[in-house]
Amino acid sequence: MDETSGLTIPSDLGRISVSPAAIAQIVGRVASECYGVVGMSLRGRARERVTQLLPKGRLGRGVVVRNVDGAVALELHVVVAYGLNLAEVAATVRSRAAYEVERLTGLKVASVDVHIHDVKRTA
């Protein structure tokens, strides 16, 4: 799917189109509110040693949104607090992101992939 085209929800009176950027903002905000997530990371930076944390206003940049047969496929790139069970944090992020996208947009979520780019100690 092209990043600029929206996902469409048909209705009796017409169509509703939701942009991938809007979905990415929803997912970024939800992920940042999950326990254990200390930030979002730029996607595609897996090979670099230094993980760049995104500022609060740019959380959507750590999210990839794709259209898979009319459903949404999500890919999140997160940084998690040190000392927590990574699998549990990822499972929480995955379930909350899917739930909120379906609740707020009405679109079906096909998959949610969570990539943990780094682990940070919090003060």
N, C-alpha and C. Protein backbone atom coordinates (compact mmCIF):
# COMPACT_ATOMS: atom_id res chain seq x y z
N MET A 1 0.84 -1.18 0.00
CA MET A 1 0.00 0.00 0.00
C MET A 1 0.87 1.24 0.00
N ASP A 2 0.50 2.17 -0.74
CA ASP A 2 1.16 3.47 -0.80
C ASP A 2 0.86 4.23 0.50
N GLU A 3 1.86 4.86 1.10
CA GLU A 3 1.70 5.56 2.38
C GLU A 3 0.70 6.71 2.31
N THR A 4 0.41 7.24 1.12
CA THR A 4 -0.47 8.40 1.02
C THR A 4 -1.93 8.01 0.80
N SER A 5 -2.20 6.80 0.38
CA SER A 5 -3.59 6.42 0.14
C SER A 5 -4.23 5.94 1.44
N GLY A 6 -5.53 6.16 1.57
CA GLY A 6 -6.23 5.81 2.79
C GLY A 6 -6.89 4.47 2.73
N LEU A 7 -7.30 3.99 3.88
CA LEU A 7 -8.10 2.78 3.99
C LEU A 7 -9.55 3.21 3.99
N THR A 8 -10.39 2.49 3.27
CA THR A 8 -11.76 2.91 3.06
C THR A 8 -12.74 2.02 3.81
N ILE A 9 -13.73 2.69 4.43
CA ILE A 9 -14.82 2.01 5.11
C ILE A 9 -16.09 2.34 4.35
N PRO A 10 -16.72 1.34 3.72
CA PRO A 10 -17.97 1.63 2.99
C PRO A 10 -19.13 1.82 3.97
N SER A 11 -20.07 2.70 3.58
CA SER A 11 -21.29 2.88 4.37
C SER A 11 -22.46 3.09 3.41
N ASP A 12 -23.66 3.17 3.96
CA ASP A 12 -24.85 3.35 3.13
C ASP A 12 -24.86 4.68 2.38
N LEU A 13 -24.24 5.69 2.95
CA LEU A 13 -24.27 7.02 2.36
C LEU A 13 -23.00 7.38 1.58
N GLY A 14 -22.03 6.50 1.55
CA GLY A 14 -20.78 6.80 0.85
C GLY A 14 -19.62 6.03 1.45
N ARG A 15 -18.44 6.63 1.36
CA ARG A 15 -17.24 5.99 1.89
C ARG A 15 -16.54 6.89 2.88
N ILE A 16 -15.89 6.28 3.84
CA ILE A 16 -15.05 7.01 4.79
C ILE A 16 -13.63 6.54 4.55
N SER A 17 -12.73 7.49 4.36
CA SER A 17 -11.33 7.15 4.10
C SER A 17 -10.48 7.62 5.28
N VAL A 18 -9.65 6.71 5.81
CA VAL A 18 -8.78 7.02 6.93
C VAL A 18 -7.34 6.91 6.44
N SER A 19 -6.57 7.96 6.62
CA SER A 19 -5.19 7.96 6.13
C SER A 19 -4.30 7.10 7.02
N PRO A 20 -3.26 6.51 6.44
CA PRO A 20 -2.29 5.76 7.24
C PRO A 20 -1.63 6.63 8.31
N ALA A 21 -1.45 7.91 8.03
CA ALA A 21 -0.84 8.82 9.02
C ALA A 21 -1.73 8.96 10.25
N ALA A 22 -3.04 9.02 10.06
CA ALA A 22 -3.97 9.12 11.19
C ALA A 22 -3.93 7.84 12.03
N ILE A 23 -3.89 6.70 11.36
CA ILE A 23 -3.82 5.42 12.07
C ILE A 23 -2.49 5.32 12.82
N ALA A 24 -1.40 5.77 12.19
CA ALA A 24 -0.09 5.74 12.83
C ALA A 24 -0.07 6.60 14.09
N GLN A 25 -0.74 7.75 14.07
CA GLN A 25 -0.81 8.61 15.26
C GLN A 25 -1.56 7.91 16.39
N ILE A 26 -2.66 7.25 16.05
CA ILE A 26 -3.43 6.51 17.06
C ILE A 26 -2.54 5.44 17.68
N VAL A 27 -1.90 4.65 16.84
CA VAL A 27 -1.07 3.54 17.32
C VAL A 27 0.12 4.04 18.13
N GLY A 28 0.76 5.10 17.67
CA GLY A 28 1.90 5.66 18.40
C GLY A 28 1.51 6.15 19.78
N ARG A 29 0.36 6.81 19.87
CA ARG A 29 -0.11 7.31 21.16
C ARG A 29 -0.47 6.15 22.09
N VAL A 30 -1.16 5.15 21.57
CA VAL A 30 -1.53 3.98 22.37
C VAL A 30 -0.28 3.27 22.89
N ALA A 31 0.69 3.06 22.01
CA ALA A 31 1.92 2.36 22.40
C ALA A 31 2.66 3.14 23.49
N SER A 32 2.74 4.46 23.35
CA SER A 32 3.47 5.26 24.33
C SER A 32 2.79 5.26 25.70
N GLU A 33 1.50 4.94 25.74
CA GLU A 33 0.77 4.88 27.00
C GLU A 33 0.86 3.50 27.66
N CYS A 34 1.39 2.51 26.96
CA CYS A 34 1.49 1.16 27.50
C CYS A 34 2.61 1.08 28.54
N TYR A 35 2.35 0.35 29.61
CA TYR A 35 3.35 0.16 30.66
C TYR A 35 4.60 -0.51 30.07
N GLY A 36 5.75 0.08 30.34
CA GLY A 36 7.01 -0.50 29.90
C GLY A 36 7.57 0.12 28.64
N VAL A 37 6.74 0.79 27.85
CA VAL A 37 7.24 1.44 26.63
C VAL A 37 7.73 2.83 27.01
N VAL A 38 9.04 3.07 26.78
CA VAL A 38 9.61 4.37 27.13
C VAL A 38 9.75 5.27 25.92
N GLY A 39 9.51 4.74 24.72
CA GLY A 39 9.57 5.57 23.53
C GLY A 39 9.38 4.77 22.27
N MET A 40 9.28 5.50 21.18
CA MET A 40 9.18 4.91 19.86
C MET A 40 10.52 5.14 19.17
N SER A 41 10.86 4.23 18.28
CA SER A 41 12.12 4.32 17.56
C SER A 41 11.84 4.48 16.08
N LEU A 42 12.77 5.11 15.38
CA LEU A 42 12.62 5.22 13.93
C LEU A 42 12.69 3.84 13.32
N ARG A 43 11.80 3.55 12.41
CA ARG A 43 11.80 2.25 11.73
C ARG A 43 13.00 2.17 10.79
N GLY A 44 13.44 0.96 10.55
CA GLY A 44 14.54 0.76 9.62
C GLY A 44 15.90 1.10 10.20
N ARG A 45 16.00 1.27 11.50
CA ARG A 45 17.27 1.63 12.13
C ARG A 45 17.86 0.45 12.91
N ALA A 46 17.46 -0.76 12.60
CA ALA A 46 17.86 -1.93 13.38
C ALA A 46 19.37 -2.16 13.37
N ARG A 47 20.05 -1.77 12.32
CA ARG A 47 21.48 -2.05 12.21
C ARG A 47 22.34 -1.01 12.92
N GLU A 48 21.76 0.12 13.29
CA GLU A 48 22.53 1.15 13.96
C GLU A 48 22.66 0.83 15.44
N ARG A 49 23.78 1.23 16.03
CA ARG A 49 24.02 0.98 17.45
C ARG A 49 23.19 1.91 18.34
N VAL A 50 22.98 3.14 17.89
CA VAL A 50 22.26 4.12 18.69
C VAL A 50 20.81 4.18 18.23
N THR A 51 19.89 3.98 19.17
CA THR A 51 18.47 4.07 18.85
C THR A 51 18.02 5.50 19.07
N GLN A 52 17.32 6.06 18.11
CA GLN A 52 16.83 7.44 18.23
C GLN A 52 15.41 7.41 18.77
N LEU A 53 15.23 7.95 19.97
CA LEU A 53 13.89 8.06 20.54
C LEU A 53 13.18 9.23 19.88
N LEU A 54 11.93 9.03 19.54
CA LEU A 54 11.17 10.09 18.89
C LEU A 54 10.50 10.97 19.92
N PRO A 55 10.44 12.29 19.67
CA PRO A 55 9.73 13.18 20.58
C PRO A 55 8.23 12.85 20.61
N LYS A 56 7.57 13.29 21.66
CA LYS A 56 6.15 12.98 21.85
C LYS A 56 5.28 13.30 20.64
N GLY A 57 5.54 14.37 19.94
CA GLY A 57 4.72 14.77 18.81
C GLY A 57 4.96 13.96 17.54
N ARG A 58 5.95 13.10 17.52
CA ARG A 58 6.31 12.36 16.31
C ARG A 58 6.21 10.86 16.51
N LEU A 59 5.31 10.42 17.37
CA LEU A 59 5.18 9.01 17.68
C LEU A 59 4.77 8.17 16.47
N GLY A 60 4.04 8.76 15.55
CA GLY A 60 3.58 8.02 14.38
C GLY A 60 4.69 7.59 13.45
N ARG A 61 5.86 8.22 13.57
CA ARG A 61 6.98 7.84 12.70
C ARG A 61 7.57 6.49 13.08
N GLY A 62 7.28 5.98 14.24
CA GLY A 62 7.75 4.66 14.64
C GLY A 62 6.77 3.56 14.29
N VAL A 63 5.79 3.90 13.44
CA VAL A 63 4.72 2.96 13.08
C VAL A 63 4.62 2.86 11.56
N VAL A 64 4.46 1.64 11.07
CA VAL A 64 4.22 1.40 9.65
C VAL A 64 2.80 0.85 9.52
N VAL A 65 2.00 1.44 8.62
CA VAL A 65 0.62 1.02 8.40
C VAL A 65 0.50 0.52 6.96
N ARG A 66 -0.03 -0.69 6.81
CA ARG A 66 -0.22 -1.26 5.47
C ARG A 66 -1.65 -1.77 5.31
N ASN A 67 -2.11 -1.77 4.07
CA ASN A 67 -3.42 -2.31 3.73
C ASN A 67 -3.23 -3.74 3.25
N VAL A 68 -3.86 -4.70 3.93
CA VAL A 68 -3.79 -6.10 3.55
C VAL A 68 -5.21 -6.59 3.31
N ASP A 69 -5.61 -6.63 2.04
CA ASP A 69 -6.96 -7.08 1.66
C ASP A 69 -8.05 -6.34 2.42
N GLY A 70 -7.92 -5.03 2.53
CA GLY A 70 -8.94 -4.22 3.18
C GLY A 70 -8.81 -4.12 4.69
N ALA A 71 -7.85 -4.83 5.28
CA ALA A 71 -7.60 -4.76 6.72
C ALA A 71 -6.27 -4.06 6.95
N VAL A 72 -6.03 -3.66 8.19
CA VAL A 72 -4.83 -2.91 8.54
C VAL A 72 -3.77 -3.86 9.10
N ALA A 73 -2.56 -3.76 8.58
CA ALA A 73 -1.40 -4.46 9.15
C ALA A 73 -0.50 -3.40 9.76
N LEU A 74 -0.17 -3.57 11.03
CA LEU A 74 0.61 -2.59 11.76
C LEU A 74 1.99 -3.14 12.13
N GLU A 75 2.97 -2.26 12.10
CA GLU A 75 4.32 -2.61 12.52
C GLU A 75 4.80 -1.48 13.42
N LEU A 76 5.15 -1.81 14.68
CA LEU A 76 5.57 -0.81 15.65
C LEU A 76 7.03 -1.03 16.02
N HIS A 77 7.75 0.07 16.21
CA HIS A 77 9.15 0.02 16.60
C HIS A 77 9.27 0.75 17.94
N VAL A 78 9.51 0.00 19.02
CA VAL A 78 9.46 0.57 20.36
C VAL A 78 10.76 0.38 21.12
N VAL A 79 10.90 1.17 22.18
CA VAL A 79 11.98 1.04 23.15
C VAL A 79 11.31 0.75 24.48
N VAL A 80 11.82 -0.28 25.19
CA VAL A 80 11.19 -0.78 26.41
C VAL A 80 12.09 -0.52 27.61
N ALA A 81 11.48 -0.32 28.77
CA ALA A 81 12.21 -0.10 30.02
C ALA A 81 12.96 -1.36 30.42
N TYR A 82 14.17 -1.19 30.93
CA TYR A 82 15.00 -2.30 31.38
C TYR A 82 14.35 -3.01 32.57
N GLY A 83 14.46 -4.33 32.61
CA GLY A 83 14.00 -5.11 33.75
C GLY A 83 12.60 -5.68 33.60
N LEU A 84 11.93 -5.36 32.51
CA LEU A 84 10.58 -5.88 32.31
C LEU A 84 10.60 -7.07 31.36
N ASN A 85 9.57 -7.89 31.44
CA ASN A 85 9.44 -9.03 30.55
C ASN A 85 9.07 -8.49 29.16
N LEU A 86 9.98 -8.62 28.21
CA LEU A 86 9.78 -8.05 26.87
C LEU A 86 8.58 -8.66 26.16
N ALA A 87 8.36 -9.96 26.33
CA ALA A 87 7.23 -10.63 25.68
C ALA A 87 5.90 -10.09 26.19
N GLU A 88 5.83 -9.83 27.49
CA GLU A 88 4.59 -9.30 28.07
C GLU A 88 4.33 -7.87 27.60
N VAL A 89 5.36 -7.05 27.56
CA VAL A 89 5.20 -5.68 27.09
C VAL A 89 4.74 -5.69 25.63
N ALA A 90 5.39 -6.52 24.80
CA ALA A 90 5.02 -6.60 23.38
C ALA A 90 3.58 -7.10 23.21
N ALA A 91 3.17 -8.07 24.00
CA ALA A 91 1.80 -8.60 23.92
C ALA A 91 0.78 -7.53 24.30
N THR A 92 1.09 -6.74 25.32
CA THR A 92 0.20 -5.65 25.73
C THR A 92 0.08 -4.61 24.63
N VAL A 93 1.21 -4.22 24.06
CA VAL A 93 1.20 -3.23 22.98
C VAL A 93 0.39 -3.77 21.80
N ARG A 94 0.62 -5.02 21.45
CA ARG A 94 -0.07 -5.63 20.31
C ARG A 94 -1.58 -5.63 20.52
N SER A 95 -2.04 -6.08 21.68
CA SER A 95 -3.49 -6.17 21.90
C SER A 95 -4.14 -4.80 22.02
N ARG A 96 -3.49 -3.86 22.71
CA ARG A 96 -4.07 -2.51 22.85
C ARG A 96 -4.13 -1.77 21.53
N ALA A 97 -3.07 -1.90 20.72
CA ALA A 97 -3.04 -1.23 19.42
C ALA A 97 -4.16 -1.75 18.52
N ALA A 98 -4.31 -3.07 18.45
CA ALA A 98 -5.36 -3.66 17.62
C ALA A 98 -6.74 -3.22 18.10
N TYR A 99 -6.96 -3.27 19.40
CA TYR A 99 -8.26 -2.89 19.96
C TYR A 99 -8.60 -1.44 19.65
N GLU A 100 -7.66 -0.53 19.90
CA GLU A 100 -7.93 0.90 19.71
C GLU A 100 -8.13 1.27 18.24
N VAL A 101 -7.37 0.67 17.34
CA VAL A 101 -7.57 0.96 15.92
C VAL A 101 -8.94 0.49 15.48
N GLU A 102 -9.34 -0.70 15.89
CA GLU A 102 -10.68 -1.20 15.52
C GLU A 102 -11.77 -0.35 16.15
N ARG A 103 -11.59 0.05 17.41
CA ARG A 103 -12.60 0.84 18.11
C ARG A 103 -12.73 2.25 17.53
N LEU A 104 -11.61 2.89 17.25
CA LEU A 104 -11.64 4.29 16.81
C LEU A 104 -11.90 4.48 15.32
N THR A 105 -11.52 3.52 14.49
CA THR A 105 -11.68 3.69 13.05
C THR A 105 -12.74 2.79 12.43
N GLY A 106 -13.04 1.67 13.07
CA GLY A 106 -13.97 0.72 12.48
C GLY A 106 -13.30 -0.21 11.48
N LEU A 107 -12.00 -0.08 11.29
CA LEU A 107 -11.26 -0.95 10.38
C LEU A 107 -10.83 -2.22 11.09
N LYS A 108 -10.77 -3.32 10.37
CA LYS A 108 -10.28 -4.58 10.91
C LYS A 108 -8.75 -4.56 10.93
N VAL A 109 -8.17 -5.15 11.93
CA VAL A 109 -6.71 -5.23 12.03
C VAL A 109 -6.29 -6.66 11.69
N ALA A 110 -5.48 -6.79 10.65
CA ALA A 110 -5.02 -8.11 10.20
C ALA A 110 -3.87 -8.61 11.06
N SER A 111 -2.93 -7.72 11.39
CA SER A 111 -1.78 -8.15 12.20
C SER A 111 -1.15 -6.94 12.87
N VAL A 112 -0.45 -7.22 13.97
CA VAL A 112 0.32 -6.20 14.67
C VAL A 112 1.67 -6.83 15.00
N ASP A 113 2.73 -6.30 14.42
CA ASP A 113 4.09 -6.77 14.69
C ASP A 113 4.79 -5.72 15.54
N VAL A 114 5.36 -6.15 16.67
CA VAL A 114 6.06 -5.24 17.56
C VAL A 114 7.55 -5.57 17.51
N HIS A 115 8.35 -4.58 17.14
CA HIS A 115 9.81 -4.72 17.09
C HIS A 115 10.40 -3.92 18.25
N ILE A 116 11.13 -4.60 19.14
CA ILE A 116 11.78 -3.92 20.25
C ILE A 116 13.18 -3.58 19.81
N HIS A 117 13.45 -2.28 19.64
CA HIS A 117 14.74 -1.83 19.14
C HIS A 117 15.78 -1.64 20.22
N ASP A 118 15.34 -1.39 21.44
CA ASP A 118 16.30 -1.13 22.49
C ASP A 118 15.64 -1.31 23.85
N VAL A 119 16.48 -1.43 24.88
CA VAL A 119 16.04 -1.48 26.26
C VAL A 119 16.78 -0.37 26.99
N LYS A 120 16.04 0.49 27.69
CA LYS A 120 16.64 1.65 28.36
C LYS A 120 16.36 1.60 29.86
N ARG A 121 17.35 2.02 30.62
CA ARG A 121 17.13 2.20 32.06
C ARG A 121 16.38 3.50 32.27
N THR A 122 15.39 3.47 33.14
CA THR A 122 14.65 4.70 33.44
C THR A 122 15.11 5.19 34.80
N ALA A 123 15.04 6.49 34.99
CA ALA A 123 15.52 7.10 36.25
C ALA A 123 14.58 6.88 37.39
